C-alpha cells in the first residue's frame, strides 16, 4: 500500500500523529495508542484536532 501524507508530521520526527491517503482510496491515521480494548487487527489512536482539520481541508471537505 502506498501512503501519501496529507496532514501532520511536523513535529520533526517520523513518529508524529499524521493523516495519509492510501492508493486504495482509504484514509490512514497514525497517532498515539489509546488504552482501549479492540479486536486484534485494530487499534484506537489519538491525533490532535488541528491535524484532523488540516486533513479535512487537504481533502476538500
N, C-alpha and C. Protein backbone atom coordinates (compact mmCIF):
# COMPACT_ATOMS: atom_id res chain seq x y z
N UNK A 1 0.85 -1.17 0.00
CA UNK A 1 0.00 0.00 0.00
C UNK A 1 0.90 1.24 0.00
N UNK A 2 0.62 2.16 -0.92
CA UNK A 2 1.37 3.42 -0.98
C UNK A 2 0.62 4.48 -0.18
N UNK A 3 1.32 5.16 0.73
CA UNK A 3 0.72 6.21 1.55
C UNK A 3 1.26 7.57 1.14
N UNK A 4 0.37 8.57 1.12
CA UNK A 4 0.75 9.95 0.84
C UNK A 4 0.31 10.80 2.02
N UNK A 5 1.27 11.49 2.66
CA UNK A 5 0.94 12.32 3.81
C UNK A 5 0.14 13.52 3.35
N UNK A 6 -0.97 13.79 4.05
CA UNK A 6 -1.78 14.98 3.73
C UNK A 6 -1.89 15.95 4.89
N UNK A 7 -1.54 15.52 6.11
CA UNK A 7 -1.63 16.40 7.27
C UNK A 7 -0.77 15.88 8.40
N UNK A 8 -0.24 16.82 9.20
CA UNK A 8 0.55 16.44 10.36
C UNK A 8 2.00 16.20 10.01
N UNK A 9 2.67 15.43 10.85
CA UNK A 9 4.06 15.08 10.61
C UNK A 9 5.02 16.24 10.72
N UNK A 10 4.65 17.29 11.43
CA UNK A 10 5.51 18.47 11.50
C UNK A 10 6.22 18.61 12.85
N UNK A 11 6.35 17.53 13.58
CA UNK A 11 6.98 17.62 14.90
C UNK A 11 8.49 17.32 14.83
N UNK A 12 9.03 17.13 13.63
CA UNK A 12 10.46 16.91 13.49
C UNK A 12 10.89 15.46 13.65
N UNK A 13 9.94 14.55 13.79
CA UNK A 13 10.26 13.13 13.91
C UNK A 13 9.37 12.36 12.93
N UNK A 14 9.67 11.10 12.71
CA UNK A 14 8.86 10.27 11.81
C UNK A 14 7.68 9.63 12.53
N UNK A 15 7.55 9.82 13.84
CA UNK A 15 6.51 9.14 14.59
C UNK A 15 5.45 10.09 15.12
N UNK A 16 5.17 11.14 14.37
CA UNK A 16 4.16 12.13 14.77
C UNK A 16 2.77 11.68 14.36
N UNK A 17 1.73 12.20 15.01
CA UNK A 17 0.38 11.98 14.51
C UNK A 17 0.29 12.54 13.09
N UNK A 18 -0.18 11.72 12.17
CA UNK A 18 -0.21 12.08 10.76
C UNK A 18 -1.43 11.44 10.09
N UNK A 19 -1.94 12.11 9.07
CA UNK A 19 -3.03 11.56 8.27
C UNK A 19 -2.50 11.35 6.85
N UNK A 20 -2.82 10.18 6.29
CA UNK A 20 -2.36 9.82 4.95
C UNK A 20 -3.57 9.44 4.09
N UNK A 21 -3.40 9.54 2.77
CA UNK A 21 -4.31 8.86 1.86
C UNK A 21 -3.56 7.64 1.36
N UNK A 22 -4.29 6.56 1.13
CA UNK A 22 -3.70 5.33 0.61
C UNK A 22 -4.10 5.18 -0.86
N UNK A 23 -3.28 4.46 -1.62
CA UNK A 23 -3.60 4.25 -3.02
C UNK A 23 -4.85 3.39 -3.22
N UNK A 24 -5.39 2.88 -2.13
CA UNK A 24 -6.65 2.13 -2.17
C UNK A 24 -7.87 3.04 -2.06
N UNK A 25 -7.61 4.35 -1.80
CA UNK A 25 -8.69 5.31 -1.60
C UNK A 25 -9.06 5.50 -0.14
N UNK A 26 -8.44 4.74 0.74
CA UNK A 26 -8.71 4.84 2.17
C UNK A 26 -7.93 5.98 2.81
N UNK A 27 -8.36 6.39 4.01
CA UNK A 27 -7.64 7.34 4.85
C UNK A 27 -6.95 6.54 5.94
N UNK A 28 -5.66 6.82 6.17
CA UNK A 28 -4.87 6.12 7.19
C UNK A 28 -4.41 7.14 8.22
N UNK A 29 -4.60 6.83 9.49
CA UNK A 29 -4.24 7.75 10.57
C UNK A 29 -3.17 7.11 11.45
N UNK A 30 -2.11 7.85 11.70
CA UNK A 30 -1.07 7.45 12.65
C UNK A 30 -1.22 8.35 13.86
N UNK A 31 -1.28 7.76 15.04
CA UNK A 31 -1.44 8.57 16.24
C UNK A 31 -0.93 7.84 17.46
N UNK A 32 -1.25 8.40 18.60
CA UNK A 32 -0.83 7.84 19.88
C UNK A 32 -1.83 6.76 20.29
N UNK A 33 -1.35 5.60 20.68
CA UNK A 33 -2.23 4.49 21.07
C UNK A 33 -3.00 4.87 22.33
N UNK A 34 -4.30 4.60 22.29
CA UNK A 34 -5.18 4.85 23.42
C UNK A 34 -5.48 3.51 24.07
N UNK A 35 -5.52 3.49 25.40
CA UNK A 35 -5.76 2.26 26.14
C UNK A 35 -7.24 1.90 26.08
N UNK A 36 -7.61 1.19 25.01
CA UNK A 36 -8.98 0.72 24.83
C UNK A 36 -8.91 -0.63 24.14
N UNK A 37 -9.63 -1.58 24.67
CA UNK A 37 -9.59 -2.92 24.10
C UNK A 37 -10.26 -2.92 22.72
N UNK A 38 -9.59 -3.55 21.74
CA UNK A 38 -10.10 -3.65 20.38
C UNK A 38 -9.82 -5.04 19.85
N UNK A 39 -10.41 -5.40 18.72
CA UNK A 39 -10.05 -6.67 18.09
C UNK A 39 -8.55 -6.68 17.76
N UNK A 40 -7.99 -7.86 17.59
CA UNK A 40 -6.54 -7.99 17.38
C UNK A 40 -6.02 -7.22 16.18
N UNK A 41 -6.83 -7.03 15.16
CA UNK A 41 -6.34 -6.34 13.97
C UNK A 41 -6.73 -4.87 13.92
N UNK A 42 -7.12 -4.29 15.05
CA UNK A 42 -7.49 -2.89 15.12
C UNK A 42 -6.79 -2.20 16.28
N UNK A 43 -6.75 -0.87 16.22
CA UNK A 43 -6.21 -0.06 17.32
C UNK A 43 -6.97 1.25 17.36
N UNK A 44 -7.06 1.84 18.51
CA UNK A 44 -7.64 3.17 18.67
C UNK A 44 -6.47 4.12 18.90
N UNK A 45 -6.43 5.20 18.10
CA UNK A 45 -5.35 6.16 18.23
C UNK A 45 -5.91 7.56 18.42
N UNK A 46 -5.11 8.41 19.01
CA UNK A 46 -5.48 9.80 19.27
C UNK A 46 -4.60 10.69 18.40
N UNK A 47 -5.23 11.65 17.71
CA UNK A 47 -4.46 12.64 16.95
C UNK A 47 -4.97 14.02 17.34
N UNK A 48 -4.13 15.04 17.28
CA UNK A 48 -4.58 16.39 17.62
C UNK A 48 -5.68 16.86 16.66
N UNK A 49 -6.64 17.60 17.17
CA UNK A 49 -7.75 18.09 16.35
C UNK A 49 -7.27 18.93 15.18
N UNK A 50 -6.19 19.70 15.37
CA UNK A 50 -5.71 20.53 14.27
C UNK A 50 -5.19 19.69 13.11
N UNK A 51 -4.65 18.51 13.39
CA UNK A 51 -4.18 17.62 12.32
C UNK A 51 -5.38 17.08 11.54
N UNK A 52 -6.45 16.74 12.24
CA UNK A 52 -7.65 16.26 11.56
C UNK A 52 -8.27 17.37 10.71
N UNK A 53 -8.32 18.60 11.23
CA UNK A 53 -8.85 19.73 10.45
C UNK A 53 -8.00 19.97 9.21
N UNK A 54 -6.67 19.90 9.36
CA UNK A 54 -5.75 20.07 8.23
C UNK A 54 -6.02 19.01 7.16
N UNK A 55 -6.23 17.75 7.61
CA UNK A 55 -6.52 16.66 6.67
C UNK A 55 -7.83 16.91 5.93
N UNK A 56 -8.85 17.35 6.65
CA UNK A 56 -10.15 17.63 6.01
C UNK A 56 -10.00 18.73 4.96
N UNK A 57 -9.25 19.78 5.28
CA UNK A 57 -9.01 20.85 4.29
C UNK A 57 -8.27 20.31 3.09
N UNK A 58 -7.24 19.48 3.32
CA UNK A 58 -6.45 18.93 2.22
C UNK A 58 -7.31 18.06 1.30
N UNK A 59 -8.32 17.41 1.86
CA UNK A 59 -9.21 16.56 1.07
C UNK A 59 -10.37 17.34 0.46
N UNK A 60 -10.46 18.63 0.78
CA UNK A 60 -11.54 19.47 0.25
C UNK A 60 -12.87 19.25 0.93
N UNK A 61 -12.84 18.81 2.18
CA UNK A 61 -14.08 18.54 2.94
C UNK A 61 -14.52 19.76 3.67
